[in-house]
Amino acid sequence: MNNTKTIDNFIIFDTLTCNAMAIEPLLAYINQYITLSPEEETFLASKVTRRTYLKGQYVLQQGDISNNMCFIVKGCTKMFYVDDDGQEHIIMFSIEDWWTNDLGSFTSQTPSDFNVQCLENTDIIQFPSDTIEELFTNIPKLERFFRKIIEKALVASQKRIVRNFSLTAKERYAIFRETYPKMEQRLPQYMIASYLGITKEFLSKIKSQLLLED
Protein backbone atom coordinates (compact mmCIF):
# COMPACT_ATOMS: atom_id res chain seq x y z
CA MET A 1 0.00 0.00 0.00
CA ASN A 2 1.27 3.43 -0.93
CA ASN A 3 -0.56 6.32 0.77
CA THR A 4 0.22 9.81 -0.50
CA LYS A 5 -0.78 12.62 1.86
CA THR A 6 -2.28 16.05 1.26
CA ILE A 7 0.30 18.82 0.93
CA ASP A 8 -1.20 22.26 0.32
CA ASN A 9 -3.91 20.67 -1.85
CA PHE A 10 -1.43 19.16 -4.32
CA ILE A 11 -0.40 15.58 -5.18
CA ILE A 12 -3.11 14.02 -3.21
CA PHE A 13 -4.00 10.48 -4.02
CA ASP A 14 -3.76 7.21 -2.16
CA THR A 15 -2.74 4.11 -4.07
CA LEU A 16 -3.84 0.71 -2.85
CA THR A 17 -2.30 -2.61 -3.79
CA CYS A 18 -5.54 -4.44 -4.49
CA ASN A 19 -7.01 -7.67 -3.30
CA ALA A 20 -10.41 -9.07 -4.22
CA MET A 21 -12.10 -7.23 -1.36
CA ALA A 22 -10.63 -3.89 -2.47
CA ILE A 23 -12.16 -4.27 -5.93
CA GLU A 24 -15.50 -5.73 -4.82
CA PRO A 25 -17.56 -2.95 -6.51
CA LEU A 26 -15.75 -3.66 -9.79
CA LEU A 27 -16.31 -7.40 -9.46
CA ALA A 28 -20.02 -6.83 -8.85
CA TYR A 29 -20.15 -4.74 -12.01
CA ILE A 30 -18.22 -7.28 -14.09
CA ASN A 31 -20.47 -10.10 -12.88
CA GLN A 32 -23.38 -8.43 -14.65
CA TYR A 33 -21.67 -9.42 -17.91
CA ILE A 34 -19.43 -12.42 -17.19
CA THR A 35 -18.64 -14.75 -14.28
CA LEU A 36 -15.14 -14.88 -12.86
CA SER A 37 -13.79 -17.74 -10.79
CA PRO A 38 -12.19 -16.94 -7.39
CA GLU A 39 -8.77 -17.56 -8.97
CA GLU A 40 -9.56 -15.14 -11.80
CA GLU A 41 -10.76 -12.53 -9.34
CA THR A 42 -7.50 -12.84 -7.40
CA PHE A 43 -5.44 -12.51 -10.57
CA LEU A 44 -7.43 -9.48 -11.71
CA ALA A 45 -6.97 -7.83 -8.31
CA SER A 46 -3.21 -8.27 -8.60
CA LYS A 47 -3.12 -6.36 -11.91
CA VAL A 48 -5.22 -3.29 -11.09
CA THR A 49 -4.75 -0.39 -8.71
CA ARG A 50 -7.21 1.59 -6.62
CA ARG A 51 -6.65 5.31 -6.13
CA THR A 52 -8.40 8.10 -4.31
CA TYR A 53 -8.20 11.55 -5.93
CA LEU A 54 -9.27 14.78 -4.29
CA LYS A 55 -11.78 17.17 -5.79
CA GLY A 56 -10.07 19.22 -8.51
CA GLN A 57 -7.33 16.71 -9.27
CA TYR A 58 -6.80 15.48 -12.81
CA VAL A 59 -6.95 11.80 -13.66
CA LEU A 60 -5.82 12.72 -17.19
CA GLN A 61 -4.67 15.97 -18.77
CA GLN A 62 -4.93 17.09 -22.37
CA GLY A 63 -1.71 16.20 -24.20
CA ASP A 64 -0.79 13.35 -21.87
CA ILE A 65 -1.14 9.69 -22.83
CA SER A 66 -4.04 7.82 -21.23
CA ASN A 67 -2.41 4.86 -19.50
CA ASN A 68 -5.43 3.61 -17.56
CA MET A 69 -8.98 2.45 -18.03
CA CYS A 70 -10.76 3.89 -15.00
CA PHE A 71 -13.77 2.46 -13.15
CA ILE A 72 -15.38 4.85 -10.66
CA VAL A 73 -16.18 3.33 -7.29
CA LYS A 74 -17.29 6.58 -5.68
CA GLY A 75 -17.32 10.19 -6.80
CA CYS A 76 -17.75 12.13 -10.03
CA THR A 77 -15.51 13.22 -12.90
CA LYS A 78 -15.90 15.32 -16.02
CA MET A 79 -14.22 14.75 -19.37
CA PHE A 80 -13.66 17.92 -21.35
CA TYR A 81 -11.41 19.66 -23.83
CA VAL A 82 -10.25 23.25 -24.00
CA ASP A 83 -10.34 24.91 -27.42
CA ASP A 84 -7.85 27.39 -28.83
CA ASP A 85 -9.81 30.27 -27.29
CA GLY A 86 -9.58 28.73 -23.83
CA GLN A 87 -13.24 27.70 -23.83
CA GLU A 88 -14.09 24.51 -21.94
CA HIS A 89 -16.36 21.94 -23.60
CA ILE A 90 -17.65 19.08 -21.42
CA ILE A 91 -18.00 15.76 -23.22
CA MET A 92 -19.31 13.57 -20.43
CA PHE A 93 -19.70 13.08 -16.70
CA SER A 94 -18.90 9.81 -14.99
CA ILE A 95 -20.26 8.69 -11.63
CA GLU A 96 -20.38 5.49 -9.58
CA ASP A 97 -20.22 2.29 -11.69
CA TRP A 98 -19.25 4.30 -14.80
CA TRP A 99 -15.99 4.31 -16.72
CA THR A 100 -13.83 7.23 -17.75
CA ASN A 101 -10.75 7.73 -19.91
CA ASP A 102 -9.79 8.79 -23.42
CA LEU A 103 -10.27 5.48 -25.19
CA GLY A 104 -8.53 6.67 -28.36
CA SER A 105 -5.44 7.73 -26.43
CA PHE A 106 -5.49 4.53 -24.36
CA THR A 107 -5.68 2.15 -27.33
CA SER A 108 -3.23 4.05 -29.57
CA GLN A 109 -0.96 5.31 -26.78
CA THR A 110 -0.98 8.79 -28.30
CA PRO A 111 -1.52 12.17 -26.58
CA SER A 112 -5.04 12.73 -25.33
CA ASP A 113 -7.39 15.39 -26.67
CA PHE A 114 -9.23 15.47 -23.36
CA ASN A 115 -8.93 16.18 -19.67
CA VAL A 116 -10.52 14.08 -16.95
CA GLN A 117 -10.95 16.01 -13.71
CA CYS A 118 -12.54 15.03 -10.39
CA LEU A 119 -15.56 17.10 -9.35
CA GLU A 120 -15.65 15.37 -5.96
CA ASN A 121 -13.23 13.28 -3.95
CA THR A 122 -13.21 10.24 -6.21
CA ASP A 123 -12.29 6.59 -5.69
CA ILE A 124 -11.13 4.88 -8.90
CA ILE A 125 -9.98 1.38 -9.89
CA GLN A 126 -7.50 1.58 -12.77
CA PHE A 127 -6.53 -0.96 -15.42
CA PRO A 128 -2.97 -0.04 -16.52
CA SER A 129 -2.37 -0.30 -20.26
CA ASP A 130 0.72 -2.46 -19.74
CA THR A 131 -1.31 -5.18 -18.01
CA ILE A 132 -4.34 -5.36 -20.32
CA GLU A 133 -2.89 -7.96 -22.71
CA GLU A 134 -1.73 -10.09 -19.78
CA LEU A 135 -5.24 -9.94 -18.34
CA PHE A 136 -6.77 -10.92 -21.68
CA THR A 137 -4.34 -13.83 -22.01
CA ASN A 138 -4.99 -15.17 -18.53
CA ILE A 139 -8.70 -14.31 -18.37
CA PRO A 140 -9.93 -14.46 -22.00
CA LYS A 141 -13.52 -13.67 -21.03
CA LEU A 142 -12.35 -10.20 -19.91
CA GLU A 143 -11.71 -9.33 -23.55
CA ARG A 144 -15.37 -10.07 -24.28
CA PHE A 145 -16.37 -7.97 -21.27
CA PHE A 146 -14.40 -4.95 -22.46
CA ARG A 147 -15.76 -5.37 -25.97
CA LYS A 148 -19.27 -5.11 -24.57
CA ILE A 149 -18.37 -2.03 -22.52
CA ILE A 150 -16.78 -0.32 -25.52
CA GLU A 151 -19.75 -1.18 -27.75
CA LYS A 152 -22.07 0.31 -25.14
CA ALA A 153 -19.98 3.49 -24.96
CA LEU A 154 -19.91 3.79 -28.76
CA VAL A 155 -23.69 3.50 -29.01
CA ALA A 156 -24.14 6.14 -26.30
CA SER A 157 -21.72 8.47 -28.09
CA GLN A 158 -23.52 8.06 -31.42
CA LYS A 159 -26.89 8.70 -29.80
CA ARG A 160 -25.59 11.89 -28.22
CA ILE A 161 -24.31 13.15 -31.60
CA VAL A 162 -27.72 12.52 -33.15
CA ARG A 163 -29.49 14.25 -30.25
CA ASN A 164 -27.26 17.31 -30.57
CA PHE A 165 -28.28 17.66 -34.22
CA SER A 166 -31.96 16.75 -33.96
CA LEU A 167 -33.27 17.74 -30.52
CA THR A 168 -33.92 21.07 -28.87
CA ALA A 169 -31.92 22.16 -25.84
CA LYS A 170 -35.00 21.54 -23.71
CA GLU A 171 -35.25 17.96 -24.98
CA ARG A 172 -31.53 17.38 -24.43
CA TYR A 173 -31.86 18.66 -20.88
CA ALA A 174 -34.71 16.21 -20.23
CA ILE A 175 -32.50 13.36 -21.45
CA PHE A 176 -29.66 14.60 -19.24
CA ARG A 177 -31.90 14.41 -16.18
CA GLU A 178 -32.93 10.89 -17.16
CA THR A 179 -29.34 9.78 -17.80
CA TYR A 180 -27.93 11.38 -14.65
CA PRO A 181 -30.73 11.11 -12.05
CA LYS A 182 -30.15 13.33 -9.02
CA MET A 183 -26.94 14.68 -10.57
CA GLU A 184 -28.08 18.30 -10.60
CA GLN A 185 -27.42 18.49 -6.85
CA ARG A 186 -23.83 17.38 -7.49
CA LEU A 187 -22.98 19.58 -10.49
CA PRO A 188 -22.69 23.35 -10.96
CA GLN A 189 -25.23 24.72 -13.43
CA TYR A 190 -22.55 26.10 -15.75
CA MET A 191 -21.11 22.60 -16.19
CA ILE A 192 -24.51 21.16 -17.08
CA ALA A 193 -24.95 24.02 -19.55
CA SER A 194 -21.53 23.30 -21.09
CA TYR A 195 -22.44 19.62 -21.47
CA LEU A 196 -25.67 20.60 -23.21
CA GLY A 197 -23.90 23.12 -25.44
CA ILE A 198 -25.88 26.12 -24.17
CA THR A 199 -25.29 29.08 -21.87
CA LYS A 200 -26.01 29.01 -18.15
CA GLU A 201 -28.64 31.70 -18.67
CA PHE A 202 -30.47 29.64 -21.30
CA LEU A 203 -30.41 26.62 -18.99
CA SER A 204 -32.03 28.70 -16.26
CA LYS A 205 -34.73 29.75 -18.73
CA ILE A 206 -35.40 26.11 -19.66
CA LYS A 207 -35.67 25.12 -16.00
CA SER A 208 -38.12 27.96 -15.36
CA GLN A 209 -40.27 26.80 -18.27
CA LEU A 210 -40.30 23.24 -16.93
CA LEU A 211 -41.36 24.46 -13.49
CA LEU A 212 -44.31 26.29 -15.04
CA GLU A 213 -45.28 23.17 -16.98
CA ASP A 214 -45.19 21.07 -13.82
C-alpha atoms as a PDB file:
ATOM      1  CA  MET A   1       0.000   0.000   0.000  1.00  0.00           C
ATOM      2  CA  ASN A   2       1.274   3.431  -0.929  1.00  0.00           C
ATOM      3  CA  ASN A   3      -0.557   6.322   0.772  1.00  0.00           C
ATOM      4  CA  THR A   4       0.218   9.814  -0.495  1.00  0.00           C
ATOM      5  CA  LYS A   5      -0.779  12.624   1.861  1.00  0.00           C
ATOM      6  CA  THR A   6      -2.280  16.046   1.256  1.00  0.00           C
ATOM      7  CA  ILE A   7       0.298  18.816   0.933  1.00  0.00           C
ATOM      8  CA  ASP A   8      -1.201  22.262   0.317  1.00  0.00           C
ATOM      9  CA  ASN A   9      -3.911  20.667  -1.850  1.00  0.00           C
ATOM     10  CA  PHE A  10      -1.434  19.156  -4.319  1.00  0.00           C
ATOM     11  CA  ILE A  11      -0.398  15.580  -5.178  1.00  0.00           C
ATOM     12  CA  ILE A  12      -3.114  14.016  -3.205  1.00  0.00           C
ATOM     13  CA  PHE A  13      -3.996  10.475  -4.015  1.00  0.00           C
ATOM     14  CA  ASP A  14      -3.759   7.209  -2.155  1.00  0.00           C
ATOM     15  CA  THR A  15      -2.739   4.108  -4.071  1.00  0.00           C
ATOM     16  CA  LEU A  16      -3.843   0.709  -2.846  1.00  0.00           C
ATOM     17  CA  THR A  17      -2.302  -2.607  -3.787  1.00  0.00           C
ATOM     18  CA  CYS A  18      -5.536  -4.438  -4.492  1.00  0.00           C
ATOM     19  CA  ASN A  19      -7.013  -7.668  -3.296  1.00  0.00           C
ATOM     20  CA  ALA A  20     -10.410  -9.071  -4.225  1.00  0.00           C
ATOM     21  CA  MET A  21     -12.096  -7.227  -1.355  1.00  0.00           C
ATOM     22  CA  ALA A  22     -10.633  -3.885  -2.473  1.00  0.00           C
ATOM     23  CA  ILE A  23     -12.163  -4.268  -5.929  1.00  0.00           C
ATOM     24  CA  GLU A  24     -15.499  -5.732  -4.821  1.00  0.00           C
ATOM     25  CA  PRO A  25     -17.560  -2.954  -6.509  1.00  0.00           C
ATOM     26  CA  LEU A  26     -15.753  -3.659  -9.788  1.00  0.00           C
ATOM     27  CA  LEU A  27     -16.307  -7.403  -9.463  1.00  0.00           C
ATOM     28  CA  ALA A  28     -20.019  -6.835  -8.846  1.00  0.00           C
ATOM     29  CA  TYR A  29     -20.152  -4.737 -12.011  1.00  0.00           C
ATOM     30  CA  ILE A  30     -18.220  -7.284 -14.087  1.00  0.00           C
ATOM     31  CA  ASN A  31     -20.471 -10.103 -12.880  1.00  0.00           C
ATOM     32  CA  GLN A  32     -23.378  -8.428 -14.651  1.00  0.00           C
ATOM     33  CA  TYR A  33     -21.670  -9.422 -17.913  1.00  0.00           C
ATOM     34  CA  ILE A  34     -19.425 -12.416 -17.194  1.00  0.00           C
ATOM     35  CA  THR A  35     -18.644 -14.750 -14.281  1.00  0.00           C
ATOM     36  CA  LEU A  36     -15.139 -14.878 -12.858  1.00  0.00           C
ATOM     37  CA  SER A  37     -13.794 -17.737 -10.786  1.00  0.00           C
ATOM     38  CA  PRO A  38     -12.187 -16.943  -7.391  1.00  0.00           C
ATOM     39  CA  GLU A  39      -8.766 -17.565  -8.974  1.00  0.00           C
ATOM     40  CA  GLU A  40      -9.558 -15.144 -11.802  1.00  0.00           C
ATOM     41  CA  GLU A  41     -10.763 -12.532  -9.338  1.00  0.00           C
ATOM     42  CA  THR A  42      -7.505 -12.843  -7.401  1.00  0.00           C
ATOM     43  CA  PHE A  43      -5.436 -12.508 -10.572  1.00  0.00           C
ATOM     44  CA  LEU A  44      -7.427  -9.485 -11.706  1.00  0.00           C
ATOM     45  CA  ALA A  45      -6.972  -7.833  -8.315  1.00  0.00           C
ATOM     46  CA  SER A  46      -3.212  -8.273  -8.601  1.00  0.00           C
ATOM     47  CA  LYS A  47      -3.120  -6.356 -11.907  1.00  0.00           C
ATOM     48  CA  VAL A  48      -5.221  -3.286 -11.093  1.00  0.00           C
ATOM     49  CA  THR A  49      -4.751  -0.385  -8.715  1.00  0.00           C
ATOM     50  CA  ARG A  50      -7.215   1.585  -6.618  1.00  0.00           C
ATOM     51  CA  ARG A  51      -6.654   5.307  -6.127  1.00  0.00           C
ATOM     52  CA  THR A  52      -8.397   8.104  -4.308  1.00  0.00           C
ATOM     53  CA  TYR A  53      -8.201  11.546  -5.925  1.00  0.00           C
ATOM     54  CA  LEU A  54      -9.268  14.782  -4.286  1.00  0.00           C
ATOM     55  CA  LYS A  55     -11.779  17.170  -5.790  1.00  0.00           C
ATOM     56  CA  GLY A  56     -10.073  19.215  -8.512  1.00  0.00           C
ATOM     57  CA  GLN A  57      -7.333  16.706  -9.272  1.00  0.00           C
ATOM     58  CA  TYR A  58      -6.798  15.483 -12.805  1.00  0.00           C
ATOM     59  CA  VAL A  59      -6.949  11.803 -13.657  1.00  0.00           C
ATOM     60  CA  LEU A  60      -5.819  12.717 -17.187  1.00  0.00           C
ATOM     61  CA  GLN A  61      -4.668  15.966 -18.769  1.00  0.00           C
ATOM     62  CA  GLN A  62      -4.928  17.088 -22.370  1.00  0.00           C
ATOM     63  CA  GLY A  63      -1.709  16.204 -24.203  1.00  0.00           C
ATOM     64  CA  ASP A  64      -0.794  13.345 -21.869  1.00  0.00           C
ATOM     65  CA  ILE A  65      -1.145   9.688 -22.834  1.00  0.00           C
ATOM     66  CA  SER A  66      -4.045   7.823 -21.228  1.00  0.00           C
ATOM     67  CA  ASN A  67      -2.410   4.864 -19.498  1.00  0.00           C
ATOM     68  CA  ASN A  68      -5.427   3.612 -17.564  1.00  0.00           C
ATOM     69  CA  MET A  69      -8.979   2.446 -18.034  1.00  0.00           C
ATOM     70  CA  CYS A  70     -10.762   3.891 -15.000  1.00  0.00           C
ATOM     71  CA  PHE A  71     -13.771   2.464 -13.150  1.00  0.00           C
ATOM     72  CA  ILE A  72     -15.378   4.851 -10.660  1.00  0.00           C
ATOM     73  CA  VAL A  73     -16.178   3.325  -7.287  1.00  0.00           C
ATOM     74  CA  LYS A  74     -17.287   6.583  -5.680  1.00  0.00           C
ATOM     75  CA  GLY A  75     -17.321  10.194  -6.803  1.00  0.00           C
ATOM     76  CA  CYS A  76     -17.746  12.125 -10.026  1.00  0.00           C
ATOM     77  CA  THR A  77     -15.508  13.219 -12.904  1.00  0.00           C
ATOM     78  CA  LYS A  78     -15.904  15.320 -16.022  1.00  0.00           C
ATOM     79  CA  MET A  79     -14.225  14.749 -19.368  1.00  0.00           C
ATOM     80  CA  PHE A  80     -13.658  17.922 -21.346  1.00  0.00           C
ATOM     81  CA  TYR A  81     -11.415  19.657 -23.832  1.00  0.00           C
ATOM     82  CA  VAL A  82     -10.248  23.250 -24.000  1.00  0.00           C
ATOM     83  CA  ASP A  83     -10.345  24.910 -27.420  1.00  0.00           C
ATOM     84  CA  ASP A  84      -7.854  27.393 -28.833  1.00  0.00           C
ATOM     85  CA  ASP A  85      -9.807  30.272 -27.286  1.00  0.00           C
ATOM     86  CA  GLY A  86      -9.578  28.725 -23.828  1.00  0.00           C
ATOM     87  CA  GLN A  87     -13.238  27.703 -23.825  1.00  0.00           C
ATOM     88  CA  GLU A  88     -14.089  24.507 -21.936  1.00  0.00           C
ATOM     89  CA  HIS A  89     -16.359  21.935 -23.601  1.00  0.00           C
ATOM     90  CA  ILE A  90     -17.653  19.082 -21.419  1.00  0.00           C
ATOM     91  CA  ILE A  91     -18.000  15.758 -23.219  1.00  0.00           C
ATOM     92  CA  MET A  92     -19.309  13.566 -20.427  1.00  0.00           C
ATOM     93  CA  PHE A  93     -19.703  13.083 -16.698  1.00  0.00           C
ATOM     94  CA  SER A  94     -18.900   9.808 -14.987  1.00  0.00           C
ATOM     95  CA  ILE A  95     -20.260   8.688 -11.632  1.00  0.00           C
ATOM     96  CA  GLU A  96     -20.376   5.490  -9.581  1.00  0.00           C
ATOM     97  CA  ASP A  97     -20.220   2.295 -11.694  1.00  0.00           C
ATOM     98  CA  TRP A  98     -19.251   4.296 -14.799  1.00  0.00           C
ATOM     99  CA  TRP A  99     -15.985   4.313 -16.724  1.00  0.00           C
ATOM    100  CA  THR A 100     -13.834   7.233 -17.752  1.00  0.00           C
ATOM    101  CA  ASN A 101     -10.748   7.727 -19.912  1.00  0.00           C
ATOM    102  CA  ASP A 102      -9.789   8.793 -23.420  1.00  0.00           C
ATOM    103  CA  LEU A 103     -10.270   5.476 -25.187  1.00  0.00           C
ATOM    104  CA  GLY A 104      -8.534   6.672 -28.356  1.00  0.00           C
ATOM    105  CA  SER A 105      -5.435   7.730 -26.427  1.00  0.00           C
ATOM    106  CA  PHE A 106      -5.491   4.528 -24.361  1.00  0.00           C
ATOM    107  CA  THR A 107      -5.678   2.155 -27.330  1.00  0.00           C
ATOM    108  CA  SER A 108      -3.231   4.045 -29.573  1.00  0.00           C
ATOM    109  CA  GLN A 109      -0.957   5.311 -26.776  1.00  0.00           C
ATOM    110  CA  THR A 110      -0.978   8.791 -28.303  1.00  0.00           C
ATOM    111  CA  PRO A 111      -1.519  12.172 -26.579  1.00  0.00           C
ATOM    112  CA  SER A 112      -5.039  12.728 -25.331  1.00  0.00           C
ATOM    113  CA  ASP A 113      -7.386  15.388 -26.674  1.00  0.00           C
ATOM    114  CA  PHE A 114      -9.230  15.470 -23.363  1.00  0.00           C
ATOM    115  CA  ASN A 115      -8.935  16.183 -19.667  1.00  0.00           C
ATOM    116  CA  VAL A 116     -10.522  14.075 -16.951  1.00  0.00           C
ATOM    117  CA  GLN A 117     -10.951  16.013 -13.706  1.00  0.00           C
ATOM    118  CA  CYS A 118     -12.536  15.032 -10.394  1.00  0.00           C
ATOM    119  CA  LEU A 119     -15.556  17.100  -9.351  1.00  0.00           C
ATOM    120  CA  GLU A 120     -15.649  15.369  -5.964  1.00  0.00           C
ATOM    121  CA  ASN A 121     -13.233  13.275  -3.949  1.00  0.00           C
ATOM    122  CA  THR A 122     -13.207  10.236  -6.211  1.00  0.00           C
ATOM    123  CA  ASP A 123     -12.285   6.589  -5.687  1.00  0.00           C
ATOM    124  CA  ILE A 124     -11.125   4.884  -8.900  1.00  0.00           C
ATOM    125  CA  ILE A 125      -9.977   1.383  -9.893  1.00  0.00           C
ATOM    126  CA  GLN A 126      -7.499   1.580 -12.773  1.00  0.00           C
ATOM    127  CA  PHE A 127      -6.527  -0.958 -15.422  1.00  0.00           C
ATOM    128  CA  PRO A 128      -2.969  -0.035 -16.522  1.00  0.00           C
ATOM    129  CA  SER A 129      -2.373  -0.295 -20.259  1.00  0.00           C
ATOM    130  CA  ASP A 130       0.725  -2.455 -19.745  1.00  0.00           C
ATOM    131  CA  THR A 131      -1.314  -5.180 -18.008  1.00  0.00           C
ATOM    132  CA  ILE A 132      -4.337  -5.365 -20.324  1.00  0.00           C
ATOM    133  CA  GLU A 133      -2.887  -7.962 -22.705  1.00  0.00           C
ATOM    134  CA  GLU A 134      -1.729 -10.090 -19.784  1.00  0.00           C
ATOM    135  CA  LEU A 135      -5.239  -9.937 -18.338  1.00  0.00           C
ATOM    136  CA  PHE A 136      -6.773 -10.919 -21.676  1.00  0.00           C
ATOM    137  CA  THR A 137      -4.340 -13.834 -22.010  1.00  0.00           C
ATOM    138  CA  ASN A 138      -4.992 -15.170 -18.529  1.00  0.00           C
ATOM    139  CA  ILE A 139      -8.700 -14.309 -18.372  1.00  0.00           C
ATOM    140  CA  PRO A 140      -9.929 -14.465 -22.005  1.00  0.00           C
ATOM    141  CA  LYS A 141     -13.515 -13.665 -21.030  1.00  0.00           C
ATOM    142  CA  LEU A 142     -12.354 -10.201 -19.908  1.00  0.00           C
ATOM    143  CA  GLU A 143     -11.710  -9.332 -23.547  1.00  0.00           C
ATOM    144  CA  ARG A 144     -15.370 -10.070 -24.279  1.00  0.00           C
ATOM    145  CA  PHE A 145     -16.367  -7.969 -21.268  1.00  0.00           C
ATOM    146  CA  PHE A 146     -14.398  -4.954 -22.460  1.00  0.00           C
ATOM    147  CA  ARG A 147     -15.759  -5.367 -25.971  1.00  0.00           C
ATOM    148  CA  LYS A 148     -19.274  -5.114 -24.566  1.00  0.00           C
ATOM    149  CA  ILE A 149     -18.367  -2.035 -22.522  1.00  0.00           C
ATOM    150  CA  ILE A 150     -16.778  -0.317 -25.520  1.00  0.00           C
ATOM    151  CA  GLU A 151     -19.747  -1.178 -27.747  1.00  0.00           C
ATOM    152  CA  LYS A 152     -22.073   0.311 -25.141  1.00  0.00           C
ATOM    153  CA  ALA A 153     -19.980   3.488 -24.956  1.00  0.00           C
ATOM    154  CA  LEU A 154     -19.906   3.790 -28.755  1.00  0.00           C
ATOM    155  CA  VAL A 155     -23.688   3.503 -29.007  1.00  0.00           C
ATOM    156  CA  ALA A 156     -24.136   6.142 -26.297  1.00  0.00           C
ATOM    157  CA  SER A 157     -21.715   8.475 -28.090  1.00  0.00           C
ATOM    158  CA  GLN A 158     -23.519   8.060 -31.416  1.00  0.00           C
ATOM    159  CA  LYS A 159     -26.893   8.702 -29.800  1.00  0.00           C
ATOM    160  CA  ARG A 160     -25.593  11.887 -28.222  1.00  0.00           C
ATOM    161  CA  ILE A 161     -24.313  13.146 -31.598  1.00  0.00           C
ATOM    162  CA  VAL A 162     -27.723  12.516 -33.154  1.00  0.00           C
ATOM    163  CA  ARG A 163     -29.491  14.250 -30.250  1.00  0.00           C
ATOM    164  CA  ASN A 164     -27.265  17.305 -30.568  1.00  0.00           C
ATOM    165  CA  PHE A 165     -28.277  17.658 -34.216  1.00  0.00           C
ATOM    166  CA  SER A 166     -31.956  16.746 -33.960  1.00  0.00           C
ATOM    167  CA  LEU A 167     -33.269  17.739 -30.517  1.00  0.00           C
ATOM    168  CA  THR A 168     -33.924  21.068 -28.872  1.00  0.00           C
ATOM    169  CA  ALA A 169     -31.924  22.155 -25.838  1.00  0.00           C
ATOM    170  CA  LYS A 170     -34.998  21.540 -23.710  1.00  0.00           C
ATOM    171  CA  GLU A 171     -35.250  17.964 -24.978  1.00  0.00           C
ATOM    172  CA  ARG A 172     -31.525  17.384 -24.431  1.00  0.00           C
ATOM    173  CA  TYR A 173     -31.855  18.664 -20.877  1.00  0.00           C
ATOM    174  CA  ALA A 174     -34.708  16.212 -20.233  1.00  0.00           C
ATOM    175  CA  ILE A 175     -32.498  13.357 -21.447  1.00  0.00           C
ATOM    176  CA  PHE A 176     -29.664  14.604 -19.243  1.00  0.00           C
ATOM    177  CA  ARG A 177     -31.903  14.413 -16.178  1.00  0.00           C
ATOM    178  CA  GLU A 178     -32.934  10.891 -17.157  1.00  0.00           C
ATOM    179  CA  THR A 179     -29.340   9.776 -17.798  1.00  0.00           C
ATOM    180  CA  TYR A 180     -27.930  11.382 -14.655  1.00  0.00           C
ATOM    181  CA  PRO A 181     -30.728  11.109 -12.054  1.00  0.00           C
ATOM    182  CA  LYS A 182     -30.149  13.330  -9.020  1.00  0.00           C
ATOM    183  CA  MET A 183     -26.943  14.679 -10.573  1.00  0.00           C
ATOM    184  CA  GLU A 184     -28.077  18.296 -10.597  1.00  0.00           C
ATOM    185  CA  GLN A 185     -27.419  18.488  -6.853  1.00  0.00           C
ATOM    186  CA  ARG A 186     -23.835  17.383  -7.493  1.00  0.00           C
ATOM    187  CA  LEU A 187     -22.980  19.577 -10.493  1.00  0.00           C
ATOM    188  CA  PRO A 188     -22.691  23.347 -10.958  1.00  0.00           C
ATOM    189  CA  GLN A 189     -25.230  24.722 -13.435  1.00  0.00           C
ATOM    190  CA  TYR A 190     -22.550  26.100 -15.746  1.00  0.00           C
ATOM    191  CA  MET A 191     -21.114  22.602 -16.187  1.00  0.00           C
ATOM    192  CA  ILE A 192     -24.507  21.160 -17.079  1.00  0.00           C
ATOM    193  CA  ALA A 193     -24.950  24.017 -19.554  1.00  0.00           C
ATOM    194  CA  SER A 194     -21.528  23.299 -21.087  1.00  0.00           C
ATOM    195  CA  TYR A 195     -22.437  19.622 -21.468  1.00  0.00           C
ATOM    196  CA  LEU A 196     -25.667  20.595 -23.213  1.00  0.00           C
ATOM    197  CA  GLY A 197     -23.898  23.124 -25.443  1.00  0.00           C
ATOM    198  CA  ILE A 198     -25.878  26.116 -24.172  1.00  0.00           C
ATOM    199  CA  THR A 199     -25.293  29.083 -21.872  1.00  0.00           C
ATOM    200  CA  LYS A 200     -26.011  29.008 -18.149  1.00  0.00           C
ATOM    201  CA  GLU A 201     -28.636  31.699 -18.674  1.00  0.00           C
ATOM    202  CA  PHE A 202     -30.466  29.643 -21.299  1.00  0.00           C
ATOM    203  CA  LEU A 203     -30.413  26.618 -18.995  1.00  0.00           C
ATOM    204  CA  SER A 204     -32.029  28.698 -16.259  1.00  0.00           C
ATOM    205  CA  LYS A 205     -34.730  29.749 -18.733  1.00  0.00           C
ATOM    206  CA  ILE A 206     -35.404  26.108 -19.663  1.00  0.00           C
ATOM    207  CA  LYS A 207     -35.673  25.120 -15.998  1.00  0.00           C
ATOM    208  CA  SER A 208     -38.116  27.962 -15.365  1.00  0.00           C
ATOM    209  CA  GLN A 209     -40.268  26.797 -18.268  1.00  0.00           C
ATOM    210  CA  LEU A 210     -40.304  23.236 -16.929  1.00  0.00           C
ATOM    211  CA  LEU A 211     -41.363  24.465 -13.488  1.00  0.00           C
ATOM    212  CA  LEU A 212     -44.306  26.287 -15.035  1.00  0.00           C
ATOM    213  CA  GLU A 213     -45.282  23.170 -16.984  1.00  0.00           C
ATOM    214  CA  ASP A 214     -45.189  21.075 -13.819  1.00  0.00           C
END
